[in-house]
Amino acid sequence: MTRSSLAAVCCALVAALLSIAAPRPATAAQVCPDIYAPVCAVTPDGFRRTYSNACFARLAHARILHNGRCMVPMCLLLPITKPVCAIDPATHRRKTYGSLCLAEQAKATFLRNGPCR
């Protein structure tokens, strides 16, 4: 092996070792605070999921439906009337739903309590 090829191998080896030992940048998940403030969101594949906070939901590219844990679909069996205003995911317009649970089941984004104006 010639001196120049030996030097090239050594340089490549040192560069490889430095890249292994170099500190890795923080991952996106490490940026979110470790605070429990649950939100219900729709994952990119269309499933409702409770995230520990809005930051983790956004990192997962999920659309936040409302603050708090996702509800079980009991509202379909036990109708509760407490209207909410939410954005209908199909029309992207405001729509009044009979309850937050019904809005969540429709995967509508909560805006406020009470009917839409």
C-alpha atoms as a PDB file:
ATOM      1  CA  MET A   1       0.000   0.000   0.000  1.00  0.00           C
ATOM      2  CA  THR A   2       1.423   3.382  -0.931  1.00  0.00           C
ATOM      3  CA  ARG A   3       1.689   6.281   1.461  1.00  0.00           C
ATOM      4  CA  SER A   4      -1.007   8.286  -0.282  1.00  0.00           C
ATOM      5  CA  SER A   5      -3.489   5.388  -0.287  1.00  0.00           C
ATOM      6  CA  LEU A   6      -2.693   4.677   3.370  1.00  0.00           C
ATOM      7  CA  ALA A   7      -3.316   8.333   4.209  1.00  0.00           C
ATOM      8  CA  ALA A   8      -6.615   8.248   2.318  1.00  0.00           C
ATOM      9  CA  VAL A   9      -7.721   5.127   4.232  1.00  0.00           C
ATOM     10  CA  CYS A  10      -6.754   6.733   7.540  1.00  0.00           C
ATOM     11  CA  CYS A  11      -8.662   9.931   6.687  1.00  0.00           C
ATOM     12  CA  ALA A  12     -11.733   7.942   5.734  1.00  0.00           C
ATOM     13  CA  LEU A  13     -11.507   5.937   8.956  1.00  0.00           C
ATOM     14  CA  VAL A  14     -11.148   9.083  11.095  1.00  0.00           C
ATOM     15  CA  ALA A  15     -14.106  10.723   9.315  1.00  0.00           C
ATOM     16  CA  ALA A  16     -16.233   7.626   9.889  1.00  0.00           C
ATOM     17  CA  LEU A  17     -15.321   7.509  13.578  1.00  0.00           C
ATOM     18  CA  LEU A  18     -16.050  11.208  14.016  1.00  0.00           C
ATOM     19  CA  SER A  19     -19.472  10.848  12.425  1.00  0.00           C
ATOM     20  CA  ILE A  20     -20.314   8.012  14.826  1.00  0.00           C
ATOM     21  CA  ALA A  21     -19.102   9.931  17.881  1.00  0.00           C
ATOM     22  CA  ALA A  22     -20.702  13.236  16.859  1.00  0.00           C
ATOM     23  CA  PRO A  23     -23.712  14.210  18.937  1.00  0.00           C
ATOM     24  CA  ARG A  24     -26.944  13.498  17.166  1.00  0.00           C
ATOM     25  CA  PRO A  25     -29.419  16.348  16.716  1.00  0.00           C
ATOM     26  CA  ALA A  26     -32.466  16.257  18.942  1.00  0.00           C
ATOM     27  CA  THR A  27     -35.388  14.411  17.445  1.00  0.00           C
ATOM     28  CA  ALA A  28     -38.688  16.211  17.018  1.00  0.00           C
ATOM     29  CA  ALA A  29     -40.242  14.155  19.819  1.00  0.00           C
ATOM     30  CA  GLN A  30     -37.656  15.491  22.258  1.00  0.00           C
ATOM     31  CA  VAL A  31     -38.781  19.048  21.528  1.00  0.00           C
ATOM     32  CA  CYS A  32     -42.306  18.538  22.899  1.00  0.00           C
ATOM     33  CA  PRO A  33     -42.814  19.257  26.575  1.00  0.00           C
ATOM     34  CA  ASP A  34     -43.538  16.319  28.816  1.00  0.00           C
ATOM     35  CA  ILE A  35     -46.833  17.822  29.975  1.00  0.00           C
ATOM     36  CA  TYR A  36     -50.060  15.849  30.097  1.00  0.00           C
ATOM     37  CA  ALA A  37     -52.740  17.982  28.465  1.00  0.00           C
ATOM     38  CA  PRO A  38     -54.542  15.400  26.293  1.00  0.00           C
ATOM     39  CA  VAL A  39     -56.075  16.163  22.928  1.00  0.00           C
ATOM     40  CA  CYS A  40     -58.192  14.028  20.638  1.00  0.00           C
ATOM     41  CA  ALA A  41     -56.952  14.038  17.051  1.00  0.00           C
ATOM     42  CA  VAL A  42     -57.369  12.228  13.744  1.00  0.00           C
ATOM     43  CA  THR A  43     -54.240  10.474  12.515  1.00  0.00           C
ATOM     44  CA  PRO A  44     -53.205  10.801   8.859  1.00  0.00           C
ATOM     45  CA  ASP A  45     -54.678   7.342   8.218  1.00  0.00           C
ATOM     46  CA  GLY A  46     -58.079   8.444   9.575  1.00  0.00           C
ATOM     47  CA  PHE A  47     -58.159   7.000  13.093  1.00  0.00           C
ATOM     48  CA  ARG A  48     -59.082   8.938  16.229  1.00  0.00           C
ATOM     49  CA  ARG A  49     -56.342   8.881  18.862  1.00  0.00           C
ATOM     50  CA  THR A  50     -55.653  10.580  22.188  1.00  0.00           C
ATOM     51  CA  TYR A  51     -52.236  12.290  22.318  1.00  0.00           C
ATOM     52  CA  SER A  52     -50.638  13.401  25.582  1.00  0.00           C
ATOM     53  CA  ASN A  53     -50.555  16.998  24.306  1.00  0.00           C
ATOM     54  CA  ALA A  54     -51.081  19.055  21.156  1.00  0.00           C
ATOM     55  CA  CYS A  55     -47.360  19.141  20.364  1.00  0.00           C
ATOM     56  CA  PHE A  56     -47.172  15.359  19.986  1.00  0.00           C
ATOM     57  CA  ALA A  57     -50.336  15.383  17.867  1.00  0.00           C
ATOM     58  CA  ARG A  58     -48.857  17.983  15.518  1.00  0.00           C
ATOM     59  CA  LEU A  59     -45.597  16.018  15.257  1.00  0.00           C
ATOM     60  CA  ALA A  60     -47.640  12.996  14.187  1.00  0.00           C
ATOM     61  CA  HIS A  61     -49.329  15.196  11.550  1.00  0.00           C
ATOM     62  CA  ALA A  62     -52.670  14.564  13.226  1.00  0.00           C
ATOM     63  CA  ARG A  63     -55.586  17.013  13.000  1.00  0.00           C
ATOM     64  CA  ILE A  64     -56.673  18.032  16.485  1.00  0.00           C
ATOM     65  CA  LEU A  65     -60.405  17.624  17.035  1.00  0.00           C
ATOM     66  CA  HIS A  66     -60.712  18.928  20.603  1.00  0.00           C
ATOM     67  CA  ASN A  67     -58.986  19.199  23.973  1.00  0.00           C
ATOM     68  CA  GLY A  68     -59.357  16.167  26.208  1.00  0.00           C
ATOM     69  CA  ARG A  69     -59.300  12.449  25.606  1.00  0.00           C
ATOM     70  CA  CYS A  70     -61.149  10.888  22.684  1.00  0.00           C
ATOM     71  CA  MET A  71     -64.586   9.655  23.676  1.00  0.00           C
ATOM     72  CA  VAL A  72     -65.988   6.213  23.197  1.00  0.00           C
ATOM     73  CA  PRO A  73     -68.902   6.120  20.740  1.00  0.00           C
ATOM     74  CA  MET A  74     -71.467   5.810  23.535  1.00  0.00           C
ATOM     75  CA  CYS A  75     -73.104   9.036  22.368  1.00  0.00           C
ATOM     76  CA  LEU A  76     -74.590   7.079  19.505  1.00  0.00           C
ATOM     77  CA  LEU A  77     -76.445   4.926  22.062  1.00  0.00           C
ATOM     78  CA  LEU A  78     -77.117   7.567  24.726  1.00  0.00           C
ATOM     79  CA  PRO A  79     -78.098  10.781  22.943  1.00  0.00           C
ATOM     80  CA  ILE A  80     -76.981  13.890  24.838  1.00  0.00           C
ATOM     81  CA  THR A  81     -78.063  17.245  23.510  1.00  0.00           C
ATOM     82  CA  LYS A  82     -75.493  19.939  24.160  1.00  0.00           C
ATOM     83  CA  PRO A  83     -74.827  21.570  20.766  1.00  0.00           C
ATOM     84  CA  VAL A  84     -71.340  22.481  19.605  1.00  0.00           C
ATOM     85  CA  CYS A  85     -70.044  24.318  16.564  1.00  0.00           C
ATOM     86  CA  ALA A  86     -67.374  22.474  14.574  1.00  0.00           C
ATOM     87  CA  ILE A  87     -65.836  22.373  11.108  1.00  0.00           C
ATOM     88  CA  ASP A  88     -67.319  19.568   9.013  1.00  0.00           C
ATOM     89  CA  PRO A  89     -64.367  17.643   7.504  1.00  0.00           C
ATOM     90  CA  ALA A  90     -66.210  16.972   4.229  1.00  0.00           C
ATOM     91  CA  THR A  91     -67.414  20.506   3.478  1.00  0.00           C
ATOM     92  CA  HIS A  92     -64.876  22.496   5.544  1.00  0.00           C
ATOM     93  CA  ARG A  93     -67.768  24.655   6.754  1.00  0.00           C
ATOM     94  CA  ARG A  94     -69.125  25.352  10.210  1.00  0.00           C
ATOM     95  CA  LYS A  95     -71.800  22.930  11.292  1.00  0.00           C
ATOM     96  CA  THR A  96     -73.835  22.501  14.474  1.00  0.00           C
ATOM     97  CA  TYR A  97     -73.574  19.032  16.018  1.00  0.00           C
ATOM     98  CA  GLY A  98     -75.843  17.753  18.788  1.00  0.00           C
ATOM     99  CA  SER A  99     -72.869  17.194  21.132  1.00  0.00           C
ATOM    100  CA  LEU A 100     -69.086  17.177  21.232  1.00  0.00           C
ATOM    101  CA  CYS A 101     -69.212  13.392  21.059  1.00  0.00           C
ATOM    102  CA  LEU A 102     -71.218  13.488  17.816  1.00  0.00           C
ATOM    103  CA  ALA A 103     -68.825  16.049  16.360  1.00  0.00           C
ATOM    104  CA  GLU A 104     -65.892  13.841  17.302  1.00  0.00           C
ATOM    105  CA  GLN A 105     -67.522  10.785  15.722  1.00  0.00           C
ATOM    106  CA  ALA A 106     -67.879  12.810  12.515  1.00  0.00           C
ATOM    107  CA  LYS A 107     -64.168  13.791  12.860  1.00  0.00           C
ATOM    108  CA  ALA A 108     -65.192  17.450  12.904  1.00  0.00           C
ATOM    109  CA  THR A 109     -62.820  20.044  14.357  1.00  0.00           C
ATOM    110  CA  PHE A 110     -64.342  21.636  17.474  1.00  0.00           C
ATOM    111  CA  LEU A 111     -64.695  25.434  17.426  1.00  0.00           C
ATOM    112  CA  ARG A 112     -66.884  26.306  20.431  1.00  0.00           C
ATOM    113  CA  ASN A 113     -69.790  25.266  22.618  1.00  0.00           C
ATOM    114  CA  GLY A 114     -73.204  26.216  21.346  1.00  0.00           C
ATOM    115  CA  PRO A 115     -74.708  26.215  17.867  1.00  0.00           C
ATOM    116  CA  CYS A 116     -72.956  27.826  14.908  1.00  0.00           C
ATOM    117  CA  ARG A 117     -74.172  31.257  13.912  1.00  0.00           C
END
